[in-house]
Amino acid sequence: MTTPVTHLPHSEARHTISFVLPEGMSPEDAPVPADTSVRVVEKPDATVAALRWRGGFDERLAHKAEAALHATIQGAGRRPIGAVFFARYDPPMTPVFLRRNEALLEIA
């Protein structure tokens, strides 16, 4: 798996999962979802700050990464846009200590 699966938490009960298409694949080339609640949408280009870490993913680590990312963006004098979202790059069978994660936040 070379493209991330992103996760935007809305609440404890609901969140959005996004699968990023490989570079060069247009939305028209994407597989047709079997479930009608799944949509293929094109998002505009954006500048995004990222904070990477290796290892597991849980609420504690996500909150820690989110706080560190906000502090870094503020320290750089940049303005965040929207909410932090997370990218996870590895399948479940990857050993935890090798998993790659990112906290991401669009910036102005």
Protein backbone atom coordinates (compact mmCIF):
# COMPACT_ATOMS: atom_id res chain seq x y z
CA MET A 1 0.00 0.00 0.00
CA THR A 2 1.64 3.23 -1.11
CA THR A 3 -1.19 5.72 -0.72
CA PRO A 4 -2.68 6.70 2.62
CA VAL A 5 -6.02 5.96 4.13
CA THR A 6 -7.12 9.16 5.85
CA HIS A 7 -9.34 9.47 8.87
CA LEU A 8 -11.25 12.60 9.89
CA PRO A 9 -12.81 12.15 13.33
CA HIS A 10 -16.20 13.86 13.75
CA SER A 11 -17.17 12.32 17.08
CA GLU A 12 -16.70 9.07 18.92
CA ALA A 13 -19.65 7.59 17.04
CA ARG A 14 -18.97 8.87 13.51
CA HIS A 15 -15.96 9.55 11.31
CA THR A 16 -15.01 9.74 7.64
CA ILE A 17 -12.57 7.37 5.94
CA SER A 18 -10.94 8.40 2.66
CA PHE A 19 -8.95 6.28 0.26
CA VAL A 20 -6.49 8.27 -1.82
CA LEU A 21 -6.27 7.30 -5.48
CA PRO A 22 -2.80 6.68 -6.89
CA GLU A 23 -1.14 9.54 -8.72
CA GLY A 24 -2.32 9.69 -12.33
CA MET A 25 -5.67 7.97 -11.68
CA SER A 26 -8.66 10.20 -12.33
CA PRO A 27 -11.94 9.90 -10.39
CA GLU A 28 -13.49 8.46 -13.56
CA ASP A 29 -10.96 5.59 -13.43
CA ALA A 30 -11.76 4.74 -9.79
CA PRO A 31 -13.63 1.52 -9.05
CA VAL A 32 -17.39 1.98 -8.79
CA PRO A 33 -18.40 1.66 -5.11
CA ALA A 34 -20.71 -1.27 -4.33
CA ASP A 35 -22.32 0.71 -1.49
CA THR A 36 -24.35 3.80 -2.48
CA SER A 37 -23.24 5.64 0.67
CA VAL A 38 -19.65 5.60 -0.67
CA ARG A 39 -18.80 8.51 -2.94
CA VAL A 40 -15.84 9.32 -5.19
CA VAL A 41 -15.05 13.02 -4.86
CA GLU A 42 -12.21 15.14 -6.19
CA LYS A 43 -10.62 17.46 -3.67
CA PRO A 44 -8.77 20.62 -4.71
CA ASP A 45 -5.03 20.93 -4.18
CA ALA A 46 -4.06 22.29 -0.77
CA THR A 47 -0.97 23.02 1.28
CA VAL A 48 -0.91 20.64 4.23
CA ALA A 49 1.39 20.46 7.25
CA ALA A 50 2.24 16.95 8.43
CA LEU A 51 3.58 15.44 11.61
CA ARG A 52 4.78 11.84 11.18
CA TRP A 53 5.18 9.08 13.70
CA ARG A 54 5.85 5.36 13.69
CA GLY A 55 3.97 2.84 15.73
CA GLY A 56 0.41 2.28 16.75
CA PHE A 57 -2.60 4.55 16.37
CA ASP A 58 -4.97 5.28 19.23
CA GLU A 59 -6.82 8.29 20.66
CA ARG A 60 -3.98 9.21 23.03
CA LEU A 61 -1.38 9.23 20.26
CA ALA A 62 -3.73 11.08 17.91
CA HIS A 63 -4.38 13.83 20.48
CA LYS A 64 -0.66 14.12 21.23
CA ALA A 65 0.17 14.43 17.50
CA GLU A 66 -2.66 16.93 16.97
CA ALA A 67 -1.39 19.18 19.79
CA ALA A 68 2.21 18.98 18.52
CA LEU A 69 1.11 19.79 14.97
CA HIS A 70 -0.90 22.83 16.10
CA ALA A 71 2.07 24.05 18.19
CA THR A 72 4.44 23.64 15.23
CA ILE A 73 2.12 25.48 12.84
CA GLN A 74 1.60 28.30 15.32
CA GLY A 75 5.36 28.50 15.96
CA ALA A 76 5.95 28.83 12.22
CA GLY A 77 3.47 31.72 12.05
CA ARG A 78 1.10 29.84 9.73
CA ARG A 79 -2.69 29.81 9.93
CA PRO A 80 -4.49 26.44 10.08
CA ILE A 81 -7.63 25.79 8.04
CA GLY A 82 -10.16 23.23 9.22
CA ALA A 83 -9.63 20.22 11.46
CA VAL A 84 -6.70 17.85 11.83
CA PHE A 85 -7.08 14.58 9.93
CA PHE A 86 -4.92 11.49 10.04
CA ALA A 87 -3.23 9.29 7.45
CA ARG A 88 -2.32 5.66 8.03
CA TYR A 89 -0.16 3.98 5.43
CA ASP A 90 0.14 0.33 6.34
CA PRO A 91 -2.14 -2.73 6.29
CA PRO A 92 -3.12 -4.37 9.61
CA MET A 93 -0.63 -7.20 9.19
CA THR A 94 2.32 -4.74 9.40
CA PRO A 95 4.05 -5.08 12.79
CA VAL A 96 3.00 -2.17 15.01
CA PHE A 97 6.55 -0.81 15.37
CA LEU A 98 6.82 -0.47 11.56
CA ARG A 99 3.48 1.30 10.95
CA ARG A 100 3.56 4.84 9.55
CA ASN A 101 1.07 7.53 10.56
CA GLU A 102 0.63 11.25 10.00
CA ALA A 103 -1.40 14.03 11.57
CA LEU A 104 -2.31 16.46 8.77
CA LEU A 105 -3.73 19.97 8.77
CA GLU A 106 -4.39 22.27 5.86
CA ILE A 107 -2.65 25.64 6.20
CA ALA A 108 -3.19 29.02 4.55
